[in-house]
Amino acid sequence: MPASLVISAPASGVGKTTLTLALARAWRNRGLNVQCFKSGPDYIDPAFHAAATGRASVNVDSWAMDRSTIAHLVSRGGNSDVVLAEGSMGLFDGVAARGVSGTGATADIAEMLGWPVVLVIDPSGQAQTAAAIAAGLRDYRAAVRLAGVVLNRVASPRHEDLVRRALNEAGIKVFGALPRHAEISLPKRHLGLVQAEEQAEIGKLIDEAARFVAEHVDLDAVLHAAGQWSPQAAANGLNVTPPGQRIALARDAAFSFVYPHMLEAWRAAGAEIVPFSPLADEAPDASADVCWLPGGYPELHAGKIAANARFRSGLRAFAETRPVHGECGGYMVLGAGLTDADGISHEMAGLLGLETSFAKRRMHLGYRLAELAAPMPGHQPGARLRGHEFHYSTILAQPDTPLAVVHDATGTVIAETGSRRGHATGTFFHLIAEDR
């Protein structure tokens, strides 16, 4: 049975991803098979997990997915030696209203699967108080078991000693303490970490993180504290309908936000995925029956997208007879225009009237529940779709017929309804699952 652990923290930005990658690579270097997962809606971390382990990582989400779907997804870890689930935000951070099987908190996954938690604690600017925080997290929900902590960014041996003593007095195991080490800092941009595929030196960075963590953390003690997990058979697989039989999928640095479980579900249902690169001025495959433009970073490549006439004309020709759908950044590219952060306006595909601007930045973040008012590829009117929205653009115009009635996690109706015109549809949210 695989050893199982959840890597979490009191908050974002304290080193969960770095520790997860380091542990995964360090154990892989010892000859162990490591399977990673990501709790919550995140596109970027699973690609780093795959780089560290050599195995595809997928998201599990208690707000959007039912227990059967989560069980199906995590069952891929059954043939591994170690399972690591990286959390999002703080351990208990989720939304106010419960979703399908929880609030989206990492603690939901830890409790549901019975996986013990390793906390990453950054004691910068404090000492014994770090033990009070760890003890509070340990005791907050009885069914969530704390295996121990790893200290990150300790200032000095004296600082480490103060924190260790307090944690020991609280009965909390300390697996190790990491001094500050700039060489393993992962580069960031406005939506999070710079993607793994954009970093030529990512393998070396992960190797250095693994070496550093192995030097300062007792890897054997961490494994000894892990749970022994036996995967349970799931009654049903993924509740995902492919948008077509042969799917032309935009896939490059501007269109990279695709949940791995979605692509796997499409293929499992018999669909064929044909990637193409708008940045390379490629048009969707003419033999496809649907075109899908995922989100990503089109705002960083808006000038090139606008200049790539073959892509835009090919997309327009495709949409004359077959459905085209865009999610978030893909939706923006289907629109009339996109204004970049420098205030320069770029003409997009014009299949929809949407106009967006990154010069007027406003963060849109949160879970979304949409009830379709019209069909979109793979889903009929009335379908209830669960997803997640995360972008910094401002809507300048959204003149087309709304695609859906969209609520946030509290049930409040929001303005980002998505659009439809002819064969083109688009949403600001990224689809995670359909309600059964």
Protein backbone atom coordinates (compact mmCIF):
# COMPACT_ATOMS: atom_id res chain seq x y z
CA MET A 1 0.00 0.00 0.00
CA PRO A 2 1.34 3.47 -0.85
CA ALA A 3 2.49 5.82 1.87
CA SER A 4 0.20 8.86 1.71
CA LEU A 5 0.62 12.48 2.77
CA VAL A 6 -0.91 15.90 2.24
CA ILE A 7 1.47 18.87 2.08
CA SER A 8 -0.28 21.93 3.47
CA ALA A 9 0.39 25.16 5.40
CA PRO A 10 -1.32 27.91 7.39
CA ALA A 11 -1.39 30.17 4.30
CA SER A 12 -0.25 30.64 0.72
CA GLY A 13 3.31 31.50 -0.14
CA VAL A 14 5.15 29.56 2.56
CA GLY A 15 6.72 26.84 0.38
CA LYS A 16 4.20 24.03 -0.21
CA THR A 17 5.08 23.60 -3.87
CA THR A 18 8.82 23.64 -3.30
CA LEU A 19 8.60 21.06 -0.51
CA THR A 20 6.27 18.84 -2.53
CA LEU A 21 8.60 18.89 -5.54
CA ALA A 22 11.67 18.32 -3.38
CA LEU A 23 10.19 15.37 -1.50
CA ALA A 24 8.87 13.83 -4.70
CA ARG A 25 12.22 14.07 -6.47
CA ALA A 26 14.23 12.99 -3.42
CA TRP A 27 12.15 9.83 -3.02
CA ARG A 28 12.21 9.20 -6.75
CA ASN A 29 16.01 9.44 -6.58
CA ARG A 30 15.84 6.65 -3.99
CA GLY A 31 14.01 4.46 -6.48
CA LEU A 32 10.47 5.02 -5.21
CA ASN A 33 7.48 5.65 -7.49
CA VAL A 34 5.80 8.88 -6.42
CA GLN A 35 2.32 10.01 -7.45
CA CYS A 36 1.30 13.64 -6.87
CA PHE A 37 -2.09 15.33 -6.78
CA LYS A 38 -3.17 18.94 -6.42
CA SER A 39 -6.04 19.93 -4.15
CA GLY A 40 -8.09 22.68 -5.72
CA PRO A 41 -8.31 24.38 -9.11
CA ASP A 42 -4.72 24.98 -10.22
CA TYR A 43 -3.29 24.38 -13.70
CA ILE A 44 0.34 25.14 -13.01
CA ASP A 45 1.39 22.97 -10.07
CA PRO A 46 0.44 19.60 -11.66
CA ALA A 47 2.92 20.24 -14.48
CA PHE A 48 5.67 20.80 -11.90
CA HIS A 49 4.59 17.58 -10.16
CA ALA A 50 4.94 15.67 -13.43
CA ALA A 51 8.40 17.14 -13.98
CA ALA A 52 9.45 15.97 -10.51
CA THR A 53 7.97 12.47 -10.63
CA GLY A 54 7.67 11.44 -14.27
CA ARG A 55 3.97 10.69 -13.63
CA ALA A 56 0.98 12.82 -14.61
CA SER A 57 -0.61 14.72 -11.71
CA VAL A 58 -4.29 15.66 -11.56
CA ASN A 59 -6.49 17.98 -9.52
CA VAL A 60 -8.96 16.84 -6.88
CA ASP A 61 -11.54 19.35 -5.72
CA SER A 62 -14.16 18.87 -3.01
CA TRP A 63 -16.30 21.83 -4.11
CA ALA A 64 -16.64 20.76 -7.74
CA MET A 65 -16.27 16.96 -7.56
CA ASP A 66 -18.21 14.25 -5.77
CA ARG A 67 -16.52 11.56 -3.71
CA SER A 68 -16.76 8.99 -6.48
CA THR A 69 -14.95 11.25 -8.95
CA ILE A 70 -12.22 11.99 -6.41
CA ALA A 71 -11.87 8.28 -5.61
CA HIS A 72 -11.56 7.52 -9.32
CA LEU A 73 -8.89 10.17 -9.83
CA VAL A 74 -6.73 9.22 -6.84
CA SER A 75 -6.92 5.51 -7.66
CA ARG A 76 -4.06 6.07 -10.12
CA GLY A 77 -1.82 6.28 -7.07
CA GLY A 78 -2.55 2.68 -6.16
CA ASN A 79 0.52 1.36 -8.00
CA SER A 80 2.91 3.94 -6.51
CA ASP A 81 5.09 3.77 -3.41
CA VAL A 82 4.30 7.28 -2.17
CA VAL A 83 1.30 9.55 -2.73
CA LEU A 84 1.69 13.30 -2.17
CA ALA A 85 -1.23 15.73 -2.39
CA GLU A 86 -0.24 19.38 -2.48
CA GLY A 87 -2.78 21.68 -0.86
CA SER A 88 -3.90 25.15 -1.85
CA MET A 89 -3.91 28.27 0.35
CA GLY A 90 -4.19 27.39 4.05
CA LEU A 91 -5.21 23.94 5.29
CA PHE A 92 -8.81 24.86 6.11
CA ASP A 93 -9.34 27.61 3.53
CA GLY A 94 -12.35 27.07 1.31
CA VAL A 95 -15.53 28.88 0.35
CA ALA A 96 -18.38 29.77 2.69
CA ALA A 97 -20.99 27.49 1.12
CA ARG A 98 -20.47 23.76 0.75
CA GLY A 99 -20.22 22.39 -2.77
CA VAL A 100 -20.56 18.80 -3.98
CA SER A 101 -18.48 17.12 -1.26
CA GLY A 102 -16.93 20.02 0.64
CA THR A 103 -15.85 23.65 0.55
CA GLY A 104 -12.77 23.17 -1.60
CA ALA A 105 -10.45 23.15 1.41
CA THR A 106 -7.38 20.95 1.47
CA ALA A 107 -8.59 19.58 4.80
CA ASP A 108 -11.60 18.07 3.01
CA ILE A 109 -9.30 15.90 0.89
CA ALA A 110 -7.15 14.94 3.88
CA GLU A 111 -10.23 13.88 5.87
CA MET A 112 -12.00 12.19 2.97
CA LEU A 113 -9.00 10.03 2.06
CA GLY A 114 -7.50 9.66 5.52
CA TRP A 115 -4.15 11.08 4.45
CA PRO A 116 -2.04 12.66 7.24
CA VAL A 117 -0.90 16.27 6.84
CA VAL A 118 2.63 17.63 6.81
CA LEU A 119 2.53 21.36 7.55
CA VAL A 120 5.02 23.78 6.07
CA ILE A 121 5.52 26.49 8.69
CA ASP A 122 7.33 29.75 7.92
CA PRO A 123 8.28 31.20 11.33
CA SER A 124 9.65 34.46 9.93
CA GLY A 125 9.08 37.24 12.43
CA GLN A 126 8.03 34.86 15.20
CA ALA A 127 9.28 31.99 17.31
CA GLN A 128 7.10 30.13 19.85
CA THR A 129 3.98 31.54 18.21
CA ALA A 130 4.65 29.19 15.29
CA ALA A 131 3.93 26.28 17.65
CA ALA A 132 0.63 27.87 18.70
CA ILE A 133 -0.40 28.14 15.05
CA ALA A 134 0.56 24.53 14.33
CA ALA A 135 -1.27 23.31 17.44
CA GLY A 136 -4.37 25.26 16.45
CA LEU A 137 -4.36 23.67 13.00
CA ARG A 138 -3.82 20.22 14.54
CA ASP A 139 -6.83 20.60 16.84
CA TYR A 140 -9.22 22.50 14.57
CA ARG A 141 -10.86 19.42 13.00
CA ALA A 142 -10.50 16.11 14.80
CA ALA A 143 -10.71 13.96 11.66
CA VAL A 144 -7.74 15.70 10.05
CA ARG A 145 -4.53 14.12 11.38
CA LEU A 146 -1.30 16.11 11.61
CA ALA A 147 1.83 14.04 10.93
CA GLY A 148 4.27 16.83 11.73
CA VAL A 149 5.85 20.00 10.39
CA VAL A 150 8.73 21.19 8.24
CA LEU A 151 10.03 24.64 9.11
CA ASN A 152 10.90 26.88 6.18
CA ARG A 153 13.06 30.02 6.00
CA VAL A 154 14.43 29.81 9.52
CA ALA A 155 16.70 32.77 10.24
CA SER A 156 19.42 31.13 12.36
CA PRO A 157 20.23 28.08 14.51
CA ARG A 158 19.00 29.99 17.58
CA HIS A 159 15.72 30.79 15.83
CA GLU A 160 15.30 27.15 14.84
CA ASP A 161 15.98 26.00 18.41
CA LEU A 162 13.32 28.31 19.86
CA VAL A 163 10.69 27.09 17.40
CA ARG A 164 11.64 23.42 17.75
CA ARG A 165 11.44 23.55 21.56
CA ALA A 166 7.96 25.08 21.42
CA LEU A 167 6.74 22.51 18.90
CA ASN A 168 8.18 19.64 20.93
CA GLU A 169 6.41 20.93 24.04
CA ALA A 170 3.17 20.99 22.03
CA GLY A 171 3.72 17.36 21.04
CA ILE A 172 4.25 18.17 17.36
CA LYS A 173 6.91 16.32 15.39
CA VAL A 174 9.47 18.46 13.53
CA PHE A 175 10.82 16.66 10.46
CA GLY A 176 13.36 19.32 9.59
CA ALA A 177 14.14 23.00 9.22
CA LEU A 178 15.11 24.75 5.99
CA PRO A 179 17.25 27.89 6.07
CA ARG A 180 16.63 30.53 3.43
CA HIS A 181 17.91 29.35 0.03
CA ALA A 182 17.29 31.67 -2.92
CA GLU A 183 18.54 29.14 -5.48
CA ILE A 184 15.34 27.09 -5.23
CA SER A 185 12.89 29.98 -5.51
CA LEU A 186 10.36 29.35 -8.29
CA PRO A 187 9.72 32.37 -10.58
CA LYS A 188 6.23 33.92 -10.48
CA ARG A 189 3.90 36.06 -12.55
CA HIS A 190 0.41 37.50 -12.03
CA LEU A 191 -1.51 34.19 -12.13
CA GLY A 192 1.02 32.28 -10.03
CA LEU A 193 4.21 30.43 -10.85
CA VAL A 194 5.75 30.65 -14.31
CA GLN A 195 4.73 27.39 -15.98
CA ALA A 196 7.05 24.40 -15.88
CA GLU A 197 7.12 24.09 -19.68
CA GLU A 198 8.47 27.67 -19.93
CA GLN A 199 11.46 26.95 -17.67
CA ALA A 200 14.33 25.24 -19.44
CA GLU A 201 16.18 24.67 -16.17
CA ILE A 202 13.25 23.25 -14.21
CA GLY A 203 14.88 19.82 -13.84
CA LYS A 204 18.02 21.32 -12.32
CA LEU A 205 15.96 23.51 -9.99
CA ILE A 206 13.98 20.51 -8.72
CA ASP A 207 17.19 18.51 -8.29
CA GLU A 208 18.67 21.32 -6.20
CA ALA A 209 15.50 21.53 -4.11
CA ALA A 210 15.63 17.76 -3.54
CA ARG A 211 19.29 17.91 -2.52
CA PHE A 212 18.65 20.83 -0.16
CA VAL A 213 15.58 19.25 1.47
CA ALA A 214 17.29 15.85 1.83
CA GLU A 215 20.11 17.63 3.67
CA HIS A 216 17.79 19.34 6.16
CA VAL A 217 14.71 17.05 6.46
CA ASP A 218 14.53 13.51 7.83
CA LEU A 219 13.00 11.79 4.80
CA ASP A 220 12.72 8.44 6.57
CA ALA A 221 10.83 10.02 9.48
CA VAL A 222 8.42 11.67 7.06
CA LEU A 223 7.73 8.36 5.32
CA HIS A 224 7.32 6.60 8.68
CA ALA A 225 4.65 9.15 9.68
CA ALA A 226 2.72 8.74 6.41
CA GLY A 227 -0.55 6.90 6.24
CA GLN A 228 -0.84 3.48 4.62
CA TRP A 229 -3.53 4.05 2.03
CA SER A 230 -5.50 1.44 0.15
CA PRO A 231 -7.40 2.89 -2.85
CA GLN A 232 -11.13 2.22 -2.86
CA ALA A 233 -12.88 1.19 -6.06
CA ALA A 234 -15.00 4.04 -7.45
CA ALA A 235 -18.56 3.24 -8.50
CA ASN A 236 -18.37 5.72 -11.38
CA GLY A 237 -15.64 7.31 -13.43
CA LEU A 238 -15.39 10.95 -14.41
CA ASN A 239 -18.63 12.73 -15.20
CA VAL A 240 -17.23 14.56 -18.21
CA THR A 241 -18.70 14.56 -21.73
CA PRO A 242 -16.20 15.26 -24.52
CA PRO A 243 -17.13 18.27 -26.68
CA GLY A 244 -16.78 16.22 -29.85
CA GLN A 245 -15.31 13.09 -31.41
CA ARG A 246 -12.27 14.80 -32.95
CA ILE A 247 -11.23 17.88 -30.98
CA ALA A 248 -8.90 20.56 -32.34
CA LEU A 249 -7.24 21.83 -29.15
CA ALA A 250 -5.23 25.05 -29.03
CA ARG A 251 -2.08 24.17 -27.10
CA ASP A 252 0.96 26.40 -26.60
CA ALA A 253 2.31 29.02 -24.18
CA ALA A 254 -0.77 31.22 -24.73
CA PHE A 255 -3.31 28.38 -24.38
CA SER A 256 -2.10 26.02 -21.69
CA PHE A 257 -4.68 26.00 -18.91
CA VAL A 258 -6.30 22.60 -19.33
CA TYR A 259 -7.08 20.31 -16.41
CA PRO A 260 -5.35 16.97 -17.08
CA HIS A 261 -8.40 15.05 -15.85
CA MET A 262 -10.51 16.71 -18.56
CA LEU A 263 -8.24 15.57 -21.37
CA GLU A 264 -8.03 12.08 -19.90
CA ALA A 265 -11.82 11.92 -19.64
CA TRP A 266 -12.24 13.03 -23.24
CA ARG A 267 -9.84 10.34 -24.43
CA ALA A 268 -11.43 7.71 -22.18
CA ALA A 269 -14.79 8.47 -23.82
CA GLY A 270 -13.27 7.76 -27.23
CA ALA A 271 -12.48 11.31 -28.38
CA GLU A 272 -9.35 12.13 -30.35
CA ILE A 273 -7.45 15.33 -29.49
CA VAL A 274 -5.59 17.14 -32.28
CA PRO A 275 -3.38 19.92 -30.86
CA PHE A 276 -2.51 23.05 -32.82
CA SER A 277 -0.55 26.19 -31.97
CA PRO A 278 -2.07 29.62 -32.60
CA LEU A 279 1.30 31.17 -31.70
CA ALA A 280 2.87 29.18 -34.55
CA ASP A 281 0.10 30.56 -36.81
CA GLU A 282 -1.57 27.17 -37.13
CA ALA A 283 -5.28 26.80 -37.87
CA PRO A 284 -7.50 24.13 -36.29
CA ASP A 285 -7.41 20.79 -38.08
CA ALA A 286 -9.97 20.85 -40.87
CA SER A 287 -11.02 17.26 -40.10
CA ALA A 288 -12.01 18.08 -36.50
CA ASP A 289 -15.67 18.42 -35.54
CA VAL A 290 -15.09 20.93 -32.72
CA CYS A 291 -12.43 23.46 -31.75
CA TRP A 292 -11.54 24.24 -28.10
CA LEU A 293 -9.44 27.21 -27.00
CA PRO A 294 -8.43 26.86 -23.35
CA GLY A 295 -7.20 29.65 -21.11
CA GLY A 296 -3.63 30.67 -20.55
CA TYR A 297 -1.71 33.87 -21.14
CA PRO A 298 -3.02 35.40 -24.41
CA GLU A 299 -2.42 38.86 -22.94
CA LEU A 300 1.33 38.18 -23.03
CA HIS A 301 1.15 37.24 -26.73
CA ALA A 302 -1.71 39.45 -27.95
CA GLY A 303 0.34 41.18 -30.65
CA LYS A 304 1.47 37.89 -32.15
CA ILE A 305 -2.02 36.39 -32.03
CA ALA A 306 -3.40 39.48 -33.77
CA ALA A 307 -0.69 39.25 -36.46
CA ASN A 308 -1.16 35.52 -37.14
CA ALA A 309 -3.54 35.78 -40.07
CA ARG A 310 -3.55 32.06 -40.91
CA PHE A 311 -4.71 31.18 -37.40
CA ARG A 312 -7.44 33.80 -37.29
CA SER A 313 -8.78 33.15 -40.80
CA GLY A 314 -8.65 29.39 -40.27
CA LEU A 315 -10.53 29.72 -36.98
CA ARG A 316 -13.20 31.88 -38.62
CA ALA A 317 -13.60 29.41 -41.48
CA PHE A 318 -13.89 26.53 -39.00
CA ALA A 319 -16.61 28.38 -37.05
CA GLU A 320 -18.75 28.81 -40.14
CA THR A 321 -19.83 25.17 -39.94
CA ARG A 322 -18.65 23.74 -36.59
CA PRO A 323 -18.67 24.73 -32.92
CA VAL A 324 -15.79 26.67 -31.39
CA HIS A 325 -15.54 27.19 -27.63
CA GLY A 326 -13.17 29.31 -25.58
CA GLU A 327 -12.46 29.31 -21.85
CA CYS A 328 -11.21 32.49 -20.15
CA GLY A 329 -8.18 33.48 -22.25
CA GLY A 330 -9.57 31.44 -25.12
CA TYR A 331 -12.87 33.32 -24.75
CA MET A 332 -10.98 36.61 -24.95
CA VAL A 333 -9.27 35.52 -28.17
CA LEU A 334 -12.65 34.61 -29.69
CA GLY A 335 -13.75 38.18 -28.94
CA ALA A 336 -13.41 41.40 -30.91
CA GLY A 337 -10.42 42.88 -29.14
CA LEU A 338 -7.97 42.58 -26.26
CA THR A 339 -6.14 45.53 -24.69
CA ASP A 340 -2.84 44.51 -23.13
CA ALA A 341 -1.25 45.82 -19.93
CA ASP A 342 0.45 48.64 -21.86
CA GLY A 343 -2.89 49.92 -23.11
CA ILE A 344 -2.36 48.68 -26.69
CA SER A 345 -5.49 47.26 -28.32
CA HIS A 346 -5.18 44.12 -30.45
CA GLU A 347 -7.78 42.74 -32.84
CA MET A 348 -8.80 39.19 -31.98
CA ALA A 349 -10.80 36.59 -33.94
CA GLY A 350 -14.09 38.51 -33.88
CA LEU A 351 -16.29 35.44 -33.55
CA LEU A 352 -17.81 37.06 -30.47
CA GLY A 353 -18.21 40.72 -29.51
CA LEU A 354 -16.32 40.43 -26.22
CA GLU A 355 -13.77 43.18 -25.55
CA THR A 356 -11.40 42.88 -22.59
CA SER A 357 -8.62 44.97 -21.10
CA PHE A 358 -5.59 44.20 -18.96
CA ALA A 359 -4.74 47.90 -18.73
CA LYS A 360 -7.62 48.19 -16.27
CA ARG A 361 -6.70 45.26 -14.05
CA ARG A 362 -9.26 43.68 -11.80
CA MET A 363 -8.89 40.25 -10.24
CA HIS A 364 -11.73 37.79 -10.81
CA LEU A 365 -11.26 34.72 -8.63
CA GLY A 366 -13.55 31.99 -7.38
CA TYR A 367 -15.67 28.95 -8.00
CA ARG A 368 -18.50 29.20 -10.53
CA LEU A 369 -21.73 27.25 -10.96
CA ALA A 370 -23.31 27.84 -14.38
CA GLU A 371 -26.68 26.72 -15.69
CA LEU A 372 -26.55 26.74 -19.47
CA ALA A 373 -29.24 28.75 -21.28
CA ALA A 374 -27.99 27.41 -24.62
CA PRO A 375 -25.88 24.47 -25.74
CA MET A 376 -22.10 24.51 -25.73
CA PRO A 377 -19.86 21.71 -27.00
CA GLY A 378 -20.54 18.60 -24.94
CA HIS A 379 -23.38 20.05 -22.89
CA GLN A 380 -27.06 20.80 -23.45
CA PRO A 381 -29.25 23.67 -22.18
CA GLY A 382 -30.03 23.23 -18.49
CA ALA A 383 -26.73 21.48 -17.73
CA ARG A 384 -25.17 22.60 -14.44
CA LEU A 385 -21.44 23.07 -14.84
CA ARG A 386 -18.96 23.61 -12.04
CA GLY A 387 -15.77 25.50 -12.70
CA HIS A 388 -13.34 28.14 -11.57
CA GLU A 389 -12.55 31.67 -12.74
CA PHE A 390 -9.19 33.37 -12.31
CA HIS A 391 -8.04 36.32 -14.40
CA TYR A 392 -7.13 39.99 -14.17
CA SER A 393 -8.99 41.39 -17.16
CA THR A 394 -11.82 43.92 -17.21
CA ILE A 395 -14.84 43.47 -19.46
CA LEU A 396 -15.22 46.47 -21.77
CA ALA A 397 -18.08 44.94 -23.77
CA GLN A 398 -19.96 41.61 -23.68
CA PRO A 399 -22.76 42.29 -26.20
CA ASP A 400 -23.71 38.82 -27.38
CA THR A 401 -26.48 36.57 -26.08
CA PRO A 402 -25.56 35.22 -22.62
CA LEU A 403 -24.56 31.57 -22.60
CA ALA A 404 -25.50 30.83 -19.00
CA VAL A 405 -26.71 32.08 -15.67
CA VAL A 406 -23.55 32.01 -13.57
CA HIS A 407 -23.35 32.05 -9.76
CA ASP A 408 -20.37 32.34 -7.46
CA ALA A 409 -19.85 29.96 -4.55
CA THR A 410 -22.26 31.94 -2.35
CA GLY A 411 -25.06 31.66 -4.91
CA THR A 412 -24.80 35.28 -6.05
CA VAL A 413 -25.44 35.85 -9.76
CA ILE A 414 -22.41 37.42 -11.48
CA ALA A 415 -22.00 39.42 -14.67
CA GLU A 416 -19.57 37.04 -16.37
CA THR A 417 -22.28 35.06 -18.15
CA GLY A 418 -20.29 33.88 -21.13
CA SER A 419 -21.50 34.49 -24.70
CA ARG A 420 -22.78 32.76 -27.80
CA ARG A 421 -23.04 33.81 -31.41
CA GLY A 422 -23.51 31.41 -34.28
CA HIS A 423 -21.30 28.38 -33.67
CA ALA A 424 -19.06 30.24 -31.19
CA THR A 425 -19.42 30.07 -27.40
CA GLY A 426 -17.20 31.21 -24.56
CA THR A 427 -17.01 31.35 -20.78
CA PHE A 428 -14.79 33.10 -18.27
CA PHE A 429 -14.86 30.00 -16.06
CA HIS A 430 -12.82 26.88 -16.69
CA LEU A 431 -14.91 23.71 -16.60
CA ILE A 432 -14.04 21.19 -13.87
CA ALA A 433 -17.10 18.89 -13.76
CA GLU A 434 -20.79 18.64 -14.54
CA ASP A 435 -23.28 17.98 -11.77
CA ARG A 436 -24.49 14.41 -12.00
